[in-house]
Each structure stands twice: as structure tokens, then as C-alpha cells.
Protein backbone atom coordinates (compact mmCIF):
# COMPACT_ATOMS: atom_id res chain seq x y z
CA MET A 1 164.14 -30.53 17.57
CA ASP A 2 163.90 -34.30 17.31
CA LYS A 3 167.21 -35.00 15.60
CA THR A 4 170.66 -33.44 15.78
CA GLU A 5 173.24 -34.56 13.30
CA ILE A 6 176.92 -33.86 13.28
CA ALA A 7 177.73 -32.08 10.03
CA PRO A 8 179.12 -34.51 7.41
CA THR A 9 182.20 -32.31 7.16
CA ASP A 10 182.78 -32.50 10.92
CA ARG A 11 185.69 -34.79 11.78
CA ASP A 12 183.64 -36.32 14.61
CA SER A 13 181.02 -37.65 12.19
CA VAL A 14 183.23 -39.92 10.07
CA PRO A 15 185.55 -42.72 11.16
CA THR A 16 189.22 -43.22 10.63
CA VAL A 17 189.50 -46.40 8.56
CA HIS A 18 192.36 -48.89 8.89
CA VAL A 19 192.65 -51.51 6.13
CA HIS A 20 194.60 -54.68 6.90
CA SER A 21 194.93 -57.84 4.82
CA THR A 22 192.32 -59.78 6.83
CA ASN A 23 190.14 -57.00 8.24
CA ILE A 24 188.98 -53.43 7.99
CA VAL A 25 188.57 -51.30 11.15
CA TYR A 26 186.33 -48.23 11.51
CA VAL A 27 187.33 -46.01 14.47
CA PHE A 28 184.79 -43.38 15.53
CA ASN A 29 185.82 -40.48 17.79
CA TYR A 30 183.66 -37.90 19.51
CA GLN A 31 185.05 -34.76 21.14
CA GLY A 32 188.60 -36.10 21.07
CA ARG A 33 187.98 -39.60 22.43
CA THR A 34 187.41 -42.94 20.74
CA ILE A 35 183.87 -44.16 21.37
CA LEU A 36 183.55 -47.11 18.98
CA GLU A 37 185.77 -49.44 16.95
CA ALA A 38 184.14 -51.86 14.52
CA LYS A 39 186.30 -54.49 12.84
CA ARG A 40 184.98 -56.53 9.94
CA LEU A 41 186.87 -59.75 9.34
CA MET A 42 187.28 -60.12 5.58
CA ASP A 43 189.61 -60.36 2.62
CA THR A 44 190.39 -56.70 1.81
CA THR A 45 192.21 -57.33 -1.48
CA GLN A 46 189.51 -55.66 -3.62
CA ILE A 47 189.27 -52.58 -1.37
CA VAL A 48 193.06 -52.18 -1.33
CA GLN A 49 193.22 -52.53 -5.12
CA GLU A 50 190.52 -49.85 -5.56
CA LEU A 51 192.36 -47.48 -3.21
CA VAL A 52 195.65 -47.98 -5.07
CA GLU A 53 194.00 -47.49 -8.47
CA ALA A 54 192.30 -44.29 -7.25
CA GLY A 55 195.63 -42.95 -5.98
CA LYS A 56 194.41 -42.92 -2.37
CA ALA A 57 196.91 -45.51 -1.12
CA GLU A 58 200.36 -46.81 -1.92
CA LEU A 59 201.71 -50.27 -1.22
CA PRO A 60 205.29 -51.35 -0.63
CA SER A 61 206.83 -52.88 -3.77
CA ASN A 62 207.08 -56.34 -2.16
CA VAL A 63 203.30 -56.73 -1.62
CA ASN A 64 201.37 -59.14 -3.85
CA LEU A 65 197.62 -58.54 -3.66
CA ASN A 66 196.82 -61.84 -5.38
CA GLY A 67 199.20 -64.08 -3.50
CA GLY A 68 197.54 -64.97 -0.21
CA ASP A 69 195.17 -67.68 0.93
CA THR A 70 192.28 -65.81 2.52
CA ASN A 71 189.90 -68.76 2.85
CA TYR A 72 190.46 -68.87 6.62
CA ILE A 73 188.89 -65.48 7.30
CA PRO A 74 185.71 -65.81 9.42
CA GLU A 75 182.60 -63.76 8.76
CA GLY A 76 181.28 -61.09 11.05
CA TRP A 77 182.16 -58.06 13.11
CA SER A 78 184.12 -57.51 16.32
CA ILE A 79 182.98 -54.33 18.07
CA GLU A 80 184.40 -52.31 20.97
CA ILE A 81 182.41 -49.50 22.59
CA TYR A 82 184.10 -47.23 25.15
CA TYR A 83 182.37 -45.76 28.17
CA PRO A 84 182.38 -41.99 28.80
CA SER A 85 185.03 -41.03 31.37
CA ALA A 86 182.32 -40.09 33.90
CA PHE A 87 180.69 -43.55 33.70
CA ARG A 88 180.59 -45.14 37.17
CA GLU A 89 182.60 -48.33 37.54
CA ALA A 90 179.81 -49.86 39.63
CA ASN A 91 177.44 -49.67 36.65
CA ARG A 92 179.56 -51.96 34.43
CA GLY A 93 177.78 -55.29 34.14
CA ASN A 94 178.92 -58.49 32.44
CA THR A 95 176.10 -58.84 29.92
CA PRO A 96 174.74 -56.50 27.24
CA GLU A 97 171.65 -55.98 29.39
CA THR A 98 173.62 -55.04 32.54
CA SER A 99 176.52 -53.17 30.89
CA GLY A 100 174.98 -49.73 31.37
CA LEU A 101 174.77 -49.33 27.59
CA ASP A 102 171.67 -50.01 25.51
CA ILE A 103 173.15 -51.58 22.35
CA ARG A 104 171.20 -52.55 19.24
CA ILE A 105 172.63 -53.81 15.95
CA ALA A 106 170.86 -54.48 12.67
CA GLU A 107 171.75 -55.37 9.13
CA GLY A 108 171.32 -52.50 6.67
CA GLU A 109 170.79 -48.78 7.13
CA THR A 110 168.20 -48.63 9.93
CA ILE A 111 167.41 -50.02 13.34
CA PRO A 112 163.96 -51.67 13.21
CA ILE A 113 161.31 -50.87 15.79
CA ASN A 114 161.05 -54.56 16.71
CA ARG A 115 164.06 -55.74 18.76
CA GLN A 116 163.47 -59.32 17.60
CA SER A 117 165.10 -58.33 14.28
CA ASP A 118 168.31 -57.20 16.00
CA LEU A 119 171.50 -59.14 15.34
CA LYS A 120 172.60 -61.33 18.24
CA ILE A 121 175.49 -60.05 20.37
CA THR A 122 177.92 -62.85 21.30
CA GLU A 123 181.25 -63.14 23.16
CA PHE A 124 180.39 -60.09 25.29
CA THR A 125 183.09 -58.98 27.74
CA GLN A 126 184.24 -55.92 29.67
CA ILE A 127 187.63 -54.49 28.62
CA ASN A 128 190.21 -52.18 30.16
CA LYS A 129 192.75 -50.75 27.69
CA ASN A 130 196.32 -49.87 28.66
CA ASP A 131 195.59 -46.19 27.93
CA GLY A 132 192.84 -46.15 30.59
CA ARG A 133 189.84 -46.55 28.29
CA ARG A 134 187.13 -48.85 29.65
CA GLY A 135 184.48 -50.47 27.55
CA VAL A 136 182.88 -53.58 26.15
CA ARG A 137 183.87 -55.96 23.37
CA PHE A 138 181.56 -58.34 21.54
CA SER A 139 181.01 -60.10 18.24
CA VAL A 140 178.17 -60.07 15.76
CA LYS A 141 177.93 -62.90 13.25
CA THR A 142 176.62 -61.78 9.87
CA GLN A 143 177.76 -61.97 6.28
CA THR A 144 176.15 -58.62 5.52
CA PRO A 145 178.78 -55.90 5.09
CA GLU A 146 176.39 -53.08 6.00
CA ILE A 147 175.33 -52.69 9.63
CA THR A 148 173.85 -50.04 11.89
CA ILE A 149 174.80 -49.85 15.56
CA GLN A 150 172.69 -47.81 18.00
CA VAL A 151 174.05 -47.08 21.48
CA ASP A 152 172.41 -45.23 24.35
CA GLY A 153 174.97 -44.36 27.03
CA VAL A 154 178.15 -43.78 25.01
CA VAL A 155 177.55 -40.04 24.40
CA PRO A 156 175.84 -38.37 27.37
CA ALA A 157 172.27 -37.14 26.69
CA ASN A 158 172.31 -38.65 23.18
CA ILE A 159 171.64 -41.87 21.34
CA ALA A 160 174.56 -42.52 18.99
CA THR A 161 173.86 -44.28 15.70
CA PHE A 162 176.76 -45.59 13.63
CA HIS A 163 176.06 -46.66 10.06
CA ILE A 164 178.93 -48.70 8.59
CA ASN A 165 179.38 -50.17 5.12
CA GLY A 166 182.19 -52.72 5.35
CA ASP A 167 182.63 -52.79 1.58
CA SER A 168 183.73 -49.15 1.49
CA VAL A 169 186.14 -46.75 3.14
CA GLU A 170 184.28 -43.72 1.80
CA ALA A 171 182.03 -41.63 4.05
CA ASP A 172 178.99 -39.65 2.99
CA ASN A 173 175.62 -38.67 4.47
CA ASN A 174 174.45 -42.31 4.54
CA GLN A 175 177.43 -44.60 5.10
CA ASN A 176 180.35 -44.72 7.50
CA ILE A 177 178.93 -41.93 9.63
CA LEU A 178 177.93 -41.14 13.22
CA ARG A 179 174.61 -39.46 13.98
CA LEU A 180 173.53 -38.19 17.40
CA HIS A 181 169.89 -37.99 18.50
CA PRO A 182 169.18 -36.09 21.76
CA ILE A 183 167.35 -38.11 24.39
CA GLN A 184 163.97 -36.51 24.95
């Protein structure tokens, strides 16, 4: 078996999505713990309007979707990846290459074979959350709303691939989903 996928109906395969006025956040969990949060900085007015019109969201009566100046919103993604609880503290380095995680990010639906096509990871730092979670935080500068993140080391014995479409909160077999591939 060269590929194991979490069933699309499995709660672990799709993210919880938080929509704010200046960003949208995709939170992926696996076996009861958060393993990745991806925040796209953007004007979410259109997404909110579509959710309201579809009856999937309600807004307080004092909210004006057309009233804000959103020109200040930067482009790109801010990503946090959380180590498994058994990950040794000594293995946490200060760069993507020494972090103990093999992280690759690409625009679109697939990770290319050639690493030279990967998006550049910037502002990389180790983080310790108040709830005890340890991980890494970094930024990726791109105007493309659709990215794929591949991480070796976040789910033991698997390579985790997260496909995210920042223009949508919907999940299906191709977008806003987590896939696991056993390490051979």
C-alpha cells in the first residue's frame, strides 16, 4: 500500500475554519490534537457574504460588510506546525532545516519533485503555546490562494500533506483536506 488517506468524512481529514475580517484560519487536528494552523491574510468580505447568503453563517446586525478599508492587508500565509508530544526537545532547531520537521510548500495542488520550485519559508521561529503545545511558526509570501504543505515529522510514521484553498471554506476530496502517506 503506497498511500493511506483519511476518509473525507473523517473529522481528522478536514480543518475547522475561522473567518475573520482580515484573515481566514484553517486548523487541522489529528487524533485529538492540533497539528497545523494556516492563516491567510486577506479581505474576507466576499467569503463572509457567500456564507451568509447560503445560510451557513449569521452576522450581528451592526456589521457592515462594505464599510471597511482593507487595503492594508498584506499578502501571504502565516503557518504554525505543532510537534508530536513525543518529539524530543533536543531535536528542535532554529531553522527549517534543523527543526526536526521536513517542510515543503508549493503553490497549487501538488508538491513538485524539484525542491527549487518550493515557496520560500521566511520568519521561521520556534514557539511554545500556553497550553503546552510546541511547534514552529513561519511565513510564506505568495498571492496564490491555493497552497499545498507537506510535512514529514508531524504525524509519526507518515508524511502529512495539507491542501488548502484560501478562497473557500468548503472541504472535499481535493481542497481543504489532510492526507497521510506512510513512510516506506
